[in-house]
Amino acid sequence: MQWTQSMRLAYMGRRSVLGGLILGALAAGLPWSAAAAVVGKAEKIRGNVRRRQGDEDERLAMGGAVLDRDYVTTGTNSFADLALSETRVLLGPQTELLIDRFIAGQGGTLELGLGRMLFERPEGSPKTDIAVRTAFGMIGVRGTRFFCGPSRAAFAVFVERGSVSVTGGGVTRTISAGLGVDFDRPGAPPSEPVNWGQARIRQAYASVGLI
C-alpha cells in the first residue's frame, strides 16, 4: 500500500542518519556498547527478537539486558516485553525500536521505526520526561498507558490512561484517556481525537501480544 511505502521511506531517512552516527563513532574508536549503560531487561520474548549496538548484533533472550542506545527488532510473529526501569514497552511483530537515550528516573527518547508498541508506566509513578519519535510525528508522554502504530490507518495513537501530546504536520493534539488520533501519511497532521470502540482497542492490543 502507498502509505506503507511512504512510512518506509520516511524511516529510512532516520535510519541513514543513525547509521552514519554509528559508523562515525566506530571510526573514532568509540565502541558504543562499551559506554552504554544497562537500562532494563527483556521480561518476555516470543519468537525472534534481536538487539544491535554498533557492530554487535545478537538475539535477545528472556531476562537479557537492554542497553541505552540499543536498536531492538522483532521478526515475523515475534513479540518483546521490555522493562526499562518502571517503564514497560511491548513491541509487536516486525517492529524496530531505537532506545535513543534513556536514564532511569529521568526519562529519555525512544524512536519507533516500523511496527507498533504499547507504552505503560504504573499509575502514581513519578513523572519523567519521555518522548517517542516516529516517522509521523513526536509523542510527548504525560500519560501512563498508550498504543502507537498502524491501526485501521497508516498510523494511530490511542491513550488508555493519562494523556499524551502528539505533534505532526505542524499541528499538536492533546489526547486524553479513551481517545485516539489517526495519521493518513507521514507529514500529515493528526486527526481530531475520537473515542475508540472496544473492538479496535482489543485489536490494537493483540497486535503487541497483549490479549
N, C-alpha and C. Protein backbone atom coordinates (compact mmCIF):
# COMPACT_ATOMS: atom_id res chain seq x y z
N MET A 1 0.84 -1.19 0.00
CA MET A 1 0.00 0.00 0.00
C MET A 1 0.88 1.25 0.00
N GLN A 2 0.33 2.39 -0.52
CA GLN A 2 1.13 3.59 -0.67
C GLN A 2 1.63 4.12 0.67
N TRP A 3 0.75 4.09 1.71
CA TRP A 3 1.18 4.63 2.99
C TRP A 3 2.31 3.81 3.59
N THR A 4 2.33 2.50 3.34
CA THR A 4 3.41 1.68 3.86
C THR A 4 4.74 2.08 3.23
N GLN A 5 4.73 2.29 1.91
CA GLN A 5 5.95 2.71 1.22
C GLN A 5 6.41 4.08 1.72
N SER A 6 5.47 5.00 1.94
CA SER A 6 5.83 6.32 2.44
C SER A 6 6.46 6.23 3.81
N MET A 7 5.89 5.38 4.67
CA MET A 7 6.41 5.23 6.01
C MET A 7 7.82 4.67 5.96
N ARG A 8 8.07 3.67 5.10
CA ARG A 8 9.40 3.09 4.99
C ARG A 8 10.41 4.13 4.51
N LEU A 9 10.02 4.95 3.52
CA LEU A 9 10.94 5.95 3.01
C LEU A 9 11.27 6.99 4.07
N ALA A 10 10.25 7.42 4.83
CA ALA A 10 10.49 8.39 5.90
C ALA A 10 11.41 7.83 6.95
N TYR A 11 11.20 6.56 7.32
CA TYR A 11 12.02 5.97 8.36
C TYR A 11 13.43 5.68 7.87
N MET A 12 13.58 5.32 6.57
CA MET A 12 14.91 5.05 6.05
C MET A 12 15.80 6.27 6.17
N GLY A 13 15.19 7.46 6.03
CA GLY A 13 15.98 8.68 6.21
C GLY A 13 16.53 8.77 7.61
N ARG A 14 15.69 8.46 8.63
CA ARG A 14 16.14 8.49 10.01
C ARG A 14 17.21 7.43 10.24
N ARG A 15 17.02 6.24 9.66
CA ARG A 15 17.96 5.16 9.90
C ARG A 15 19.29 5.44 9.24
N SER A 16 19.30 6.16 8.11
CA SER A 16 20.56 6.51 7.46
C SER A 16 21.37 7.44 8.35
N VAL A 17 20.68 8.41 9.00
CA VAL A 17 21.37 9.30 9.92
C VAL A 17 21.94 8.51 11.09
N LEU A 18 21.14 7.59 11.64
CA LEU A 18 21.61 6.77 12.76
C LEU A 18 22.81 5.94 12.35
N GLY A 19 22.74 5.35 11.15
CA GLY A 19 23.86 4.55 10.68
C GLY A 19 25.13 5.37 10.55
N GLY A 20 24.98 6.62 10.09
CA GLY A 20 26.13 7.49 9.98
C GLY A 20 26.75 7.80 11.33
N LEU A 21 25.91 8.01 12.34
CA LEU A 21 26.42 8.28 13.68
C LEU A 21 27.16 7.07 14.24
N ILE A 22 26.62 5.87 14.01
CA ILE A 22 27.28 4.65 14.49
C ILE A 22 28.63 4.49 13.82
N LEU A 23 28.68 4.65 12.49
CA LEU A 23 29.93 4.48 11.76
C LEU A 23 30.95 5.53 12.19
N GLY A 24 30.46 6.75 12.43
CA GLY A 24 31.37 7.80 12.87
C GLY A 24 31.98 7.48 14.23
N ALA A 25 31.18 6.95 15.12
CA ALA A 25 31.68 6.59 16.45
C ALA A 25 32.71 5.48 16.37
N LEU A 26 32.44 4.49 15.52
CA LEU A 26 33.38 3.38 15.38
C LEU A 26 34.68 3.86 14.75
N ALA A 27 34.57 4.74 13.74
CA ALA A 27 35.77 5.24 13.09
C ALA A 27 36.63 6.05 14.06
N ALA A 28 35.98 6.69 15.02
CA ALA A 28 36.73 7.48 16.00
C ALA A 28 37.24 6.63 17.15
N GLY A 29 36.99 5.33 17.06
CA GLY A 29 37.47 4.44 18.10
C GLY A 29 36.63 4.46 19.35
N LEU A 30 35.33 4.77 19.20
CA LEU A 30 34.44 4.86 20.34
C LEU A 30 33.44 3.72 20.30
N PRO A 31 33.71 2.58 20.91
CA PRO A 31 32.77 1.47 20.90
C PRO A 31 31.53 1.81 21.69
N TRP A 32 30.39 1.85 21.01
CA TRP A 32 29.15 2.26 21.66
C TRP A 32 28.81 1.35 22.83
N SER A 33 28.92 0.06 22.65
CA SER A 33 28.49 -0.86 23.68
C SER A 33 29.32 -0.73 24.95
N ALA A 34 30.59 -0.31 24.79
CA ALA A 34 31.46 -0.19 25.96
C ALA A 34 31.00 0.93 26.87
N ALA A 35 30.38 1.98 26.29
CA ALA A 35 29.97 3.13 27.08
C ALA A 35 28.50 3.07 27.46
N ALA A 36 27.73 2.19 26.84
CA ALA A 36 26.29 2.16 27.06
C ALA A 36 25.95 1.52 28.40
N ALA A 37 25.00 2.13 29.10
CA ALA A 37 24.57 1.63 30.40
C ALA A 37 23.41 0.67 30.24
N VAL A 38 23.29 -0.26 31.16
CA VAL A 38 22.13 -1.15 31.19
C VAL A 38 20.94 -0.34 31.69
N VAL A 39 19.86 -0.31 30.90
CA VAL A 39 18.68 0.48 31.27
C VAL A 39 17.46 -0.39 31.54
N GLY A 40 17.56 -1.68 31.31
CA GLY A 40 16.42 -2.55 31.55
C GLY A 40 16.72 -3.98 31.15
N LYS A 41 15.66 -4.77 31.02
CA LYS A 41 15.82 -6.16 30.62
C LYS A 41 14.59 -6.62 29.85
N ALA A 42 14.73 -7.74 29.17
CA ALA A 42 13.63 -8.34 28.44
C ALA A 42 12.82 -9.22 29.40
N GLU A 43 11.61 -8.80 29.73
CA GLU A 43 10.77 -9.57 30.63
C GLU A 43 10.23 -10.82 29.95
N LYS A 44 9.76 -10.65 28.71
CA LYS A 44 9.21 -11.78 27.94
C LYS A 44 9.63 -11.64 26.48
N ILE A 45 9.92 -12.75 25.86
CA ILE A 45 10.30 -12.78 24.45
C ILE A 45 9.55 -13.93 23.78
N ARG A 46 8.95 -13.64 22.64
CA ARG A 46 8.33 -14.68 21.83
C ARG A 46 8.85 -14.56 20.41
N GLY A 47 9.44 -15.64 19.90
CA GLY A 47 9.95 -15.62 18.54
C GLY A 47 11.34 -15.03 18.45
N ASN A 48 11.64 -14.41 17.31
CA ASN A 48 12.98 -13.91 17.01
C ASN A 48 13.05 -12.41 17.31
N VAL A 49 13.75 -12.07 18.39
CA VAL A 49 13.95 -10.67 18.77
C VAL A 49 15.45 -10.44 18.89
N ARG A 50 15.93 -9.34 18.30
CA ARG A 50 17.36 -9.08 18.30
C ARG A 50 17.63 -7.68 18.82
N ARG A 51 18.84 -7.51 19.36
CA ARG A 51 19.32 -6.20 19.78
C ARG A 51 20.65 -5.92 19.09
N ARG A 52 20.82 -4.71 18.61
CA ARG A 52 22.06 -4.34 17.92
C ARG A 52 22.57 -3.03 18.49
N GLN A 53 23.88 -2.94 18.62
CA GLN A 53 24.54 -1.72 19.05
C GLN A 53 25.91 -1.67 18.38
N GLY A 54 26.09 -0.68 17.54
CA GLY A 54 27.34 -0.62 16.78
C GLY A 54 27.46 -1.84 15.88
N ASP A 55 28.59 -2.54 15.98
CA ASP A 55 28.79 -3.72 15.16
C ASP A 55 28.40 -5.00 15.89
N GLU A 56 27.79 -4.86 17.07
CA GLU A 56 27.36 -6.02 17.83
C GLU A 56 25.89 -6.31 17.55
N ASP A 57 25.58 -7.53 17.17
CA ASP A 57 24.20 -7.94 16.88
C ASP A 57 23.99 -9.31 17.50
N GLU A 58 22.97 -9.42 18.34
CA GLU A 58 22.72 -10.69 19.00
C GLU A 58 21.24 -10.89 19.26
N ARG A 59 20.88 -12.14 19.44
CA ARG A 59 19.50 -12.46 19.77
C ARG A 59 19.23 -12.06 21.21
N LEU A 60 18.07 -11.45 21.45
CA LEU A 60 17.69 -11.04 22.79
C LEU A 60 16.81 -12.12 23.40
N ALA A 61 17.26 -12.67 24.53
CA ALA A 61 16.52 -13.73 25.21
C ALA A 61 15.81 -13.17 26.43
N MET A 62 14.85 -13.91 26.94
CA MET A 62 14.14 -13.51 28.14
C MET A 62 15.14 -13.33 29.29
N GLY A 63 15.05 -12.22 29.98
CA GLY A 63 15.98 -11.91 31.05
C GLY A 63 17.23 -11.20 30.59
N GLY A 64 17.42 -11.09 29.28
CA GLY A 64 18.61 -10.44 28.74
C GLY A 64 18.61 -8.94 29.00
N ALA A 65 19.80 -8.36 29.14
CA ALA A 65 19.93 -6.93 29.42
C ALA A 65 19.61 -6.10 28.18
N VAL A 66 19.01 -4.96 28.41
CA VAL A 66 18.76 -3.96 27.37
C VAL A 66 19.60 -2.75 27.71
N LEU A 67 20.37 -2.26 26.72
CA LEU A 67 21.30 -1.16 26.96
C LEU A 67 20.79 0.14 26.35
N ASP A 68 21.25 1.24 26.91
CA ASP A 68 20.99 2.53 26.31
C ASP A 68 21.57 2.54 24.90
N ARG A 69 20.82 3.09 23.95
CA ARG A 69 21.16 3.16 22.53
C ARG A 69 21.04 1.81 21.82
N ASP A 70 20.39 0.85 22.42
CA ASP A 70 20.12 -0.42 21.73
C ASP A 70 19.10 -0.20 20.62
N TYR A 71 19.27 -0.94 19.54
CA TYR A 71 18.33 -0.97 18.41
C TYR A 71 17.70 -2.35 18.45
N VAL A 72 16.42 -2.41 18.85
CA VAL A 72 15.74 -3.69 19.06
C VAL A 72 14.77 -3.94 17.90
N THR A 73 14.83 -5.15 17.34
CA THR A 73 13.94 -5.52 16.25
C THR A 73 13.24 -6.84 16.54
N THR A 74 12.02 -6.96 16.07
CA THR A 74 11.26 -8.20 16.21
C THR A 74 10.96 -8.76 14.83
N GLY A 75 10.99 -10.08 14.72
CA GLY A 75 10.71 -10.73 13.45
C GLY A 75 9.23 -11.02 13.27
N THR A 76 8.91 -11.75 12.22
CA THR A 76 7.53 -12.15 11.96
C THR A 76 7.01 -13.02 13.11
N ASN A 77 5.78 -12.74 13.55
CA ASN A 77 5.15 -13.49 14.65
C ASN A 77 6.00 -13.46 15.92
N SER A 78 6.69 -12.36 16.15
CA SER A 78 7.56 -12.22 17.32
C SER A 78 7.11 -11.02 18.15
N PHE A 79 7.31 -11.12 19.47
CA PHE A 79 6.89 -10.08 20.39
C PHE A 79 7.97 -9.88 21.46
N ALA A 80 8.07 -8.67 21.98
CA ALA A 80 9.02 -8.37 23.06
C ALA A 80 8.32 -7.55 24.13
N ASP A 81 8.59 -7.88 25.38
CA ASP A 81 8.09 -7.14 26.53
C ASP A 81 9.32 -6.65 27.29
N LEU A 82 9.62 -5.36 27.19
CA LEU A 82 10.83 -4.78 27.76
C LEU A 82 10.50 -3.96 28.99
N ALA A 83 11.29 -4.14 30.05
CA ALA A 83 11.14 -3.35 31.27
C ALA A 83 12.30 -2.37 31.34
N LEU A 84 12.01 -1.09 31.20
CA LEU A 84 13.02 -0.03 31.29
C LEU A 84 12.74 0.73 32.58
N SER A 85 13.37 0.30 33.66
CA SER A 85 13.06 0.83 34.98
C SER A 85 11.58 0.60 35.24
N GLU A 86 10.80 1.66 35.55
CA GLU A 86 9.37 1.49 35.80
C GLU A 86 8.55 1.51 34.51
N THR A 87 9.20 1.75 33.40
CA THR A 87 8.51 1.83 32.11
C THR A 87 8.46 0.47 31.44
N ARG A 88 7.31 0.12 30.93
CA ARG A 88 7.14 -1.14 30.20
C ARG A 88 6.84 -0.82 28.74
N VAL A 89 7.55 -1.48 27.83
CA VAL A 89 7.36 -1.28 26.40
C VAL A 89 7.11 -2.63 25.75
N LEU A 90 5.96 -2.78 25.10
CA LEU A 90 5.63 -4.01 24.37
C LEU A 90 5.76 -3.74 22.89
N LEU A 91 6.46 -4.62 22.19
CA LEU A 91 6.67 -4.49 20.75
C LEU A 91 5.97 -5.62 20.02
N GLY A 92 5.26 -5.27 18.94
CA GLY A 92 4.62 -6.27 18.11
C GLY A 92 5.56 -6.81 17.05
N PRO A 93 5.06 -7.68 16.16
CA PRO A 93 5.90 -8.26 15.11
C PRO A 93 6.43 -7.21 14.13
N GLN A 94 7.60 -7.49 13.58
CA GLN A 94 8.23 -6.65 12.56
C GLN A 94 8.28 -5.18 12.99
N THR A 95 8.78 -5.00 14.19
CA THR A 95 8.88 -3.66 14.78
C THR A 95 10.34 -3.31 15.00
N GLU A 96 10.67 -2.04 14.86
CA GLU A 96 12.03 -1.55 15.04
C GLU A 96 11.99 -0.40 16.05
N LEU A 97 12.73 -0.55 17.13
CA LEU A 97 12.75 0.47 18.18
C LEU A 97 14.19 0.82 18.55
N LEU A 98 14.51 2.10 18.52
CA LEU A 98 15.81 2.58 18.98
C LEU A 98 15.63 3.23 20.35
N ILE A 99 16.36 2.74 21.34
CA ILE A 99 16.39 3.39 22.65
C ILE A 99 17.44 4.48 22.55
N ASP A 100 17.02 5.62 22.06
CA ASP A 100 17.96 6.68 21.68
C ASP A 100 18.68 7.25 22.89
N ARG A 101 17.96 7.40 23.99
CA ARG A 101 18.54 7.89 25.23
C ARG A 101 17.57 7.58 26.35
N PHE A 102 18.02 6.93 27.39
CA PHE A 102 17.12 6.60 28.48
C PHE A 102 17.90 6.57 29.79
N ILE A 103 17.41 7.32 30.77
CA ILE A 103 18.02 7.36 32.09
C ILE A 103 16.93 7.06 33.11
N ALA A 104 17.11 6.02 33.89
CA ALA A 104 16.11 5.62 34.87
C ALA A 104 15.77 6.77 35.81
N GLY A 105 14.48 7.00 35.98
CA GLY A 105 14.02 8.05 36.87
C GLY A 105 14.00 9.43 36.27
N GLN A 106 14.62 9.59 35.08
CA GLN A 106 14.66 10.90 34.44
C GLN A 106 13.92 10.91 33.11
N GLY A 107 13.97 9.79 32.38
CA GLY A 107 13.27 9.71 31.11
C GLY A 107 14.23 9.56 29.95
N GLY A 108 13.79 10.00 28.78
CA GLY A 108 14.62 9.87 27.60
C GLY A 108 13.80 9.89 26.34
N THR A 109 14.38 9.34 25.27
CA THR A 109 13.73 9.35 23.96
C THR A 109 13.78 7.96 23.35
N LEU A 110 12.64 7.50 22.88
CA LEU A 110 12.53 6.25 22.13
C LEU A 110 12.16 6.61 20.70
N GLU A 111 12.71 5.86 19.74
CA GLU A 111 12.38 6.11 18.34
C GLU A 111 11.77 4.85 17.74
N LEU A 112 10.50 4.95 17.38
CA LEU A 112 9.79 3.83 16.77
C LEU A 112 9.87 3.95 15.26
N GLY A 113 10.49 2.96 14.62
CA GLY A 113 10.55 2.95 13.17
C GLY A 113 9.32 2.27 12.62
N LEU A 114 9.48 1.10 12.06
CA LEU A 114 8.34 0.31 11.59
C LEU A 114 7.69 -0.39 12.77
N GLY A 115 6.41 -0.71 12.64
CA GLY A 115 5.75 -1.54 13.63
C GLY A 115 4.93 -0.76 14.63
N ARG A 116 4.72 -1.41 15.79
CA ARG A 116 3.81 -0.85 16.78
C ARG A 116 4.30 -1.17 18.19
N MET A 117 3.86 -0.37 19.14
CA MET A 117 4.29 -0.58 20.52
C MET A 117 3.20 -0.12 21.49
N LEU A 118 3.28 -0.65 22.70
CA LEU A 118 2.45 -0.21 23.81
C LEU A 118 3.38 0.30 24.89
N PHE A 119 3.13 1.50 25.35
CA PHE A 119 3.94 2.14 26.39
C PHE A 119 3.13 2.18 27.68
N GLU A 120 3.75 1.79 28.79
CA GLU A 120 3.00 1.75 30.04
C GLU A 120 3.90 2.09 31.23
N ARG A 121 3.38 2.93 32.12
CA ARG A 121 4.00 3.19 33.41
C ARG A 121 2.93 3.02 34.49
N PRO A 122 3.29 2.47 35.65
CA PRO A 122 2.30 2.26 36.70
C PRO A 122 1.67 3.59 37.14
N GLU A 123 0.39 3.54 37.46
CA GLU A 123 -0.27 4.74 37.96
C GLU A 123 0.41 5.19 39.25
N GLY A 124 0.60 6.48 39.38
CA GLY A 124 1.25 7.02 40.56
C GLY A 124 2.76 7.09 40.47
N SER A 125 3.34 6.61 39.34
CA SER A 125 4.79 6.69 39.18
C SER A 125 5.24 8.15 39.06
N PRO A 126 6.44 8.47 39.52
CA PRO A 126 6.94 9.84 39.36
C PRO A 126 6.96 10.24 37.89
N LYS A 127 6.63 11.50 37.62
CA LYS A 127 6.62 11.97 36.24
C LYS A 127 8.04 12.06 35.70
N THR A 128 8.21 11.61 34.47
CA THR A 128 9.51 11.69 33.81
C THR A 128 9.33 12.32 32.44
N ASP A 129 10.41 12.81 31.89
CA ASP A 129 10.40 13.47 30.58
C ASP A 129 10.73 12.44 29.51
N ILE A 130 9.70 11.85 28.90
CA ILE A 130 9.90 10.82 27.88
C ILE A 130 9.19 11.24 26.60
N ALA A 131 9.86 11.05 25.48
CA ALA A 131 9.28 11.34 24.17
C ALA A 131 9.46 10.13 23.27
N VAL A 132 8.50 9.93 22.38
CA VAL A 132 8.58 8.86 21.38
C VAL A 132 8.55 9.51 20.01
N ARG A 133 9.65 9.33 19.25
CA ARG A 133 9.71 9.85 17.89
C ARG A 133 9.24 8.79 16.92
N THR A 134 8.49 9.20 15.90
CA THR A 134 8.06 8.29 14.84
C THR A 134 8.21 9.02 13.51
N ALA A 135 8.04 8.30 12.41
CA ALA A 135 8.08 8.93 11.09
C ALA A 135 6.90 9.87 10.89
N PHE A 136 5.86 9.74 11.73
CA PHE A 136 4.66 10.55 11.58
C PHE A 136 4.67 11.78 12.47
N GLY A 137 5.44 11.75 13.55
CA GLY A 137 5.47 12.89 14.44
C GLY A 137 6.02 12.51 15.80
N MET A 138 6.00 13.48 16.70
CA MET A 138 6.53 13.31 18.04
C MET A 138 5.39 13.11 19.04
N ILE A 139 5.60 12.16 19.96
CA ILE A 139 4.63 11.92 21.02
C ILE A 139 5.27 12.31 22.35
N GLY A 140 4.70 13.30 23.01
CA GLY A 140 5.17 13.71 24.32
C GLY A 140 4.39 12.96 25.38
N VAL A 141 5.09 12.21 26.18
CA VAL A 141 4.43 11.30 27.12
C VAL A 141 4.15 12.00 28.44
N ARG A 142 2.87 12.10 28.77
CA ARG A 142 2.47 12.57 30.08
C ARG A 142 1.55 11.53 30.73
N GLY A 143 1.23 10.51 29.99
CA GLY A 143 0.27 9.53 30.48
C GLY A 143 0.95 8.27 30.97
N THR A 144 0.14 7.29 31.27
CA THR A 144 0.67 6.05 31.82
C THR A 144 0.52 4.86 30.88
N ARG A 145 -0.41 4.92 29.95
CA ARG A 145 -0.56 3.78 29.04
C ARG A 145 -1.12 4.24 27.70
N PHE A 146 -0.35 3.98 26.62
CA PHE A 146 -0.86 4.32 25.29
C PHE A 146 -0.28 3.37 24.25
N PHE A 147 -0.99 3.26 23.14
CA PHE A 147 -0.60 2.45 21.99
C PHE A 147 -0.25 3.38 20.84
N CYS A 148 0.75 2.99 20.03
CA CYS A 148 1.00 3.70 18.78
C CYS A 148 1.47 2.71 17.72
N GLY A 149 0.99 2.92 16.50
CA GLY A 149 1.33 2.04 15.39
C GLY A 149 0.17 1.96 14.41
N PRO A 150 0.31 1.18 13.34
CA PRO A 150 -0.79 1.03 12.38
C PRO A 150 -2.02 0.44 13.06
N SER A 151 -3.18 1.05 12.82
CA SER A 151 -4.45 0.55 13.33
C SER A 151 -5.58 1.17 12.52
N ARG A 152 -5.99 0.46 11.47
CA ARG A 152 -7.05 0.95 10.58
C ARG A 152 -6.68 2.28 9.93
N ALA A 153 -5.41 2.61 9.97
CA ALA A 153 -4.89 3.83 9.35
C ALA A 153 -3.39 3.62 9.19
N ALA A 154 -2.73 4.57 8.50
CA ALA A 154 -1.29 4.45 8.34
C ALA A 154 -0.60 4.38 9.70
N PHE A 155 -1.10 5.19 10.64
CA PHE A 155 -0.51 5.24 11.98
C PHE A 155 -1.56 5.82 12.90
N ALA A 156 -1.58 5.34 14.15
CA ALA A 156 -2.57 5.82 15.11
C ALA A 156 -1.96 5.86 16.50
N VAL A 157 -2.54 6.69 17.35
CA VAL A 157 -2.14 6.77 18.76
C VAL A 157 -3.42 6.70 19.59
N PHE A 158 -3.45 5.79 20.56
CA PHE A 158 -4.61 5.65 21.45
C PHE A 158 -4.13 5.69 22.90
N VAL A 159 -4.83 6.44 23.73
CA VAL A 159 -4.47 6.58 25.15
C VAL A 159 -5.52 5.88 26.00
N GLU A 160 -5.06 4.94 26.82
CA GLU A 160 -5.97 4.28 27.76
C GLU A 160 -6.02 5.02 29.09
N ARG A 161 -4.84 5.43 29.60
CA ARG A 161 -4.76 6.16 30.87
C ARG A 161 -3.86 7.37 30.70
N GLY A 162 -4.19 8.44 31.40
CA GLY A 162 -3.37 9.63 31.35
C GLY A 162 -3.61 10.43 30.08
N SER A 163 -2.58 11.06 29.56
CA SER A 163 -2.69 11.85 28.33
C SER A 163 -1.33 11.95 27.67
N VAL A 164 -1.34 12.20 26.36
CA VAL A 164 -0.12 12.46 25.61
C VAL A 164 -0.38 13.62 24.65
N SER A 165 0.68 14.28 24.24
CA SER A 165 0.58 15.28 23.18
C SER A 165 1.20 14.69 21.93
N VAL A 166 0.53 14.86 20.81
CA VAL A 166 1.00 14.33 19.52
C VAL A 166 1.19 15.48 18.55
N THR A 167 2.39 15.60 18.00
CA THR A 167 2.69 16.69 17.07
C THR A 167 3.08 16.12 15.71
N GLY A 168 2.44 16.58 14.66
CA GLY A 168 2.76 16.16 13.30
C GLY A 168 2.18 17.15 12.31
N GLY A 169 2.90 17.39 11.22
CA GLY A 169 2.39 18.31 10.20
C GLY A 169 2.13 19.70 10.73
N GLY A 170 2.88 20.12 11.77
CA GLY A 170 2.70 21.45 12.32
C GLY A 170 1.51 21.59 13.25
N VAL A 171 0.87 20.48 13.57
CA VAL A 171 -0.32 20.50 14.44
C VAL A 171 -0.06 19.65 15.68
N THR A 172 -0.45 20.15 16.84
CA THR A 172 -0.33 19.40 18.09
C THR A 172 -1.71 19.11 18.66
N ARG A 173 -1.94 17.85 18.98
CA ARG A 173 -3.19 17.45 19.63
C ARG A 173 -2.86 16.87 21.00
N THR A 174 -3.70 17.17 21.97
CA THR A 174 -3.60 16.54 23.28
C THR A 174 -4.66 15.45 23.35
N ILE A 175 -4.21 14.23 23.64
CA ILE A 175 -5.11 13.08 23.64
C ILE A 175 -5.28 12.61 25.09
N SER A 176 -6.50 12.58 25.55
CA SER A 176 -6.78 12.13 26.91
C SER A 176 -7.31 10.69 26.87
N ALA A 177 -7.55 10.14 28.04
CA ALA A 177 -7.92 8.74 28.18
C ALA A 177 -9.17 8.40 27.37
N GLY A 178 -9.08 7.27 26.66
CA GLY A 178 -10.20 6.78 25.86
C GLY A 178 -10.26 7.31 24.45
N LEU A 179 -9.33 8.20 24.09
CA LEU A 179 -9.35 8.83 22.77
C LEU A 179 -8.13 8.42 21.95
N GLY A 180 -8.26 8.55 20.63
CA GLY A 180 -7.16 8.26 19.73
C GLY A 180 -7.17 9.17 18.53
N VAL A 181 -6.03 9.26 17.83
CA VAL A 181 -5.93 10.03 16.60
C VAL A 181 -5.33 9.15 15.51
N ASP A 182 -5.59 9.50 14.26
CA ASP A 182 -5.05 8.79 13.11
C ASP A 182 -4.19 9.72 12.27
N PHE A 183 -3.21 9.12 11.57
CA PHE A 183 -2.41 9.81 10.56
C PHE A 183 -2.63 9.12 9.23
N ASP A 184 -2.89 9.88 8.18
CA ASP A 184 -3.05 9.30 6.85
C ASP A 184 -1.71 8.94 6.22
N ARG A 185 -0.68 9.72 6.55
CA ARG A 185 0.63 9.53 5.93
C ARG A 185 1.66 10.32 6.73
N PRO A 186 2.95 10.01 6.58
CA PRO A 186 3.98 10.83 7.23
C PRO A 186 3.90 12.27 6.75
N GLY A 187 4.01 13.21 7.65
CA GLY A 187 3.93 14.63 7.30
C GLY A 187 2.55 15.21 7.42
N ALA A 188 1.54 14.35 7.55
CA ALA A 188 0.17 14.83 7.70
C ALA A 188 -0.11 15.14 9.17
N PRO A 189 -1.03 16.06 9.45
CA PRO A 189 -1.38 16.33 10.84
C PRO A 189 -2.23 15.22 11.42
N PRO A 190 -2.21 15.05 12.74
CA PRO A 190 -3.09 14.05 13.34
C PRO A 190 -4.55 14.49 13.24
N SER A 191 -5.44 13.51 13.17
CA SER A 191 -6.86 13.82 13.11
C SER A 191 -7.33 14.38 14.46
N GLU A 192 -8.56 14.84 14.49
CA GLU A 192 -9.16 15.21 15.77
C GLU A 192 -9.31 13.95 16.62
N PRO A 193 -9.08 14.05 17.92
CA PRO A 193 -9.23 12.86 18.78
C PRO A 193 -10.67 12.36 18.79
N VAL A 194 -10.81 11.04 18.73
CA VAL A 194 -12.13 10.41 18.76
C VAL A 194 -12.09 9.21 19.71
N ASN A 195 -13.25 8.80 20.18
CA ASN A 195 -13.35 7.61 21.01
C ASN A 195 -13.09 6.37 20.17
N TRP A 196 -12.35 5.44 20.73
CA TRP A 196 -12.13 4.14 20.09
C TRP A 196 -13.10 3.12 20.70
N GLY A 197 -13.66 2.29 19.84
CA GLY A 197 -14.51 1.21 20.32
C GLY A 197 -13.69 0.07 20.90
N GLN A 198 -14.35 -0.79 21.67
CA GLN A 198 -13.65 -1.90 22.29
C GLN A 198 -13.03 -2.84 21.28
N ALA A 199 -13.68 -3.02 20.14
CA ALA A 199 -13.14 -3.94 19.13
C ALA A 199 -11.80 -3.43 18.60
N ARG A 200 -11.71 -2.13 18.35
CA ARG A 200 -10.45 -1.57 17.84
C ARG A 200 -9.37 -1.61 18.91
N ILE A 201 -9.73 -1.34 20.15
CA ILE A 201 -8.76 -1.39 21.25
C ILE A 201 -8.20 -2.80 21.40
N ARG A 202 -9.09 -3.79 21.39
CA ARG A 202 -8.64 -5.18 21.53
C ARG A 202 -7.72 -5.57 20.38
N GLN A 203 -8.06 -5.15 19.17
CA GLN A 203 -7.25 -5.46 18.00
C GLN A 203 -5.85 -4.84 18.12
N ALA A 204 -5.80 -3.59 18.58
CA ALA A 204 -4.52 -2.91 18.73
C ALA A 204 -3.66 -3.60 19.78
N TYR A 205 -4.26 -3.95 20.92
CA TYR A 205 -3.51 -4.60 21.99
C TYR A 205 -3.06 -6.00 21.59
N ALA A 206 -3.89 -6.70 20.86
CA ALA A 206 -3.49 -8.03 20.40
C ALA A 206 -2.29 -7.96 19.45
N SER A 207 -2.16 -6.85 18.73
CA SER A 207 -1.06 -6.70 17.77
C SER A 207 0.29 -6.56 18.45
N VAL A 208 0.29 -6.26 19.77
CA VAL A 208 1.56 -6.20 20.51
C VAL A 208 1.66 -7.35 21.51
N GLY A 209 0.81 -8.35 21.33
CA GLY A 209 0.88 -9.55 22.16
C GLY A 209 0.15 -9.46 23.48
N LEU A 210 -0.67 -8.41 23.66
CA LEU A 210 -1.42 -8.25 24.90
C LEU A 210 -2.86 -8.64 24.66
N ILE A 211 -3.24 -9.82 25.18
CA ILE A 211 -4.59 -10.35 24.93
C ILE A 211 -5.32 -10.54 26.25
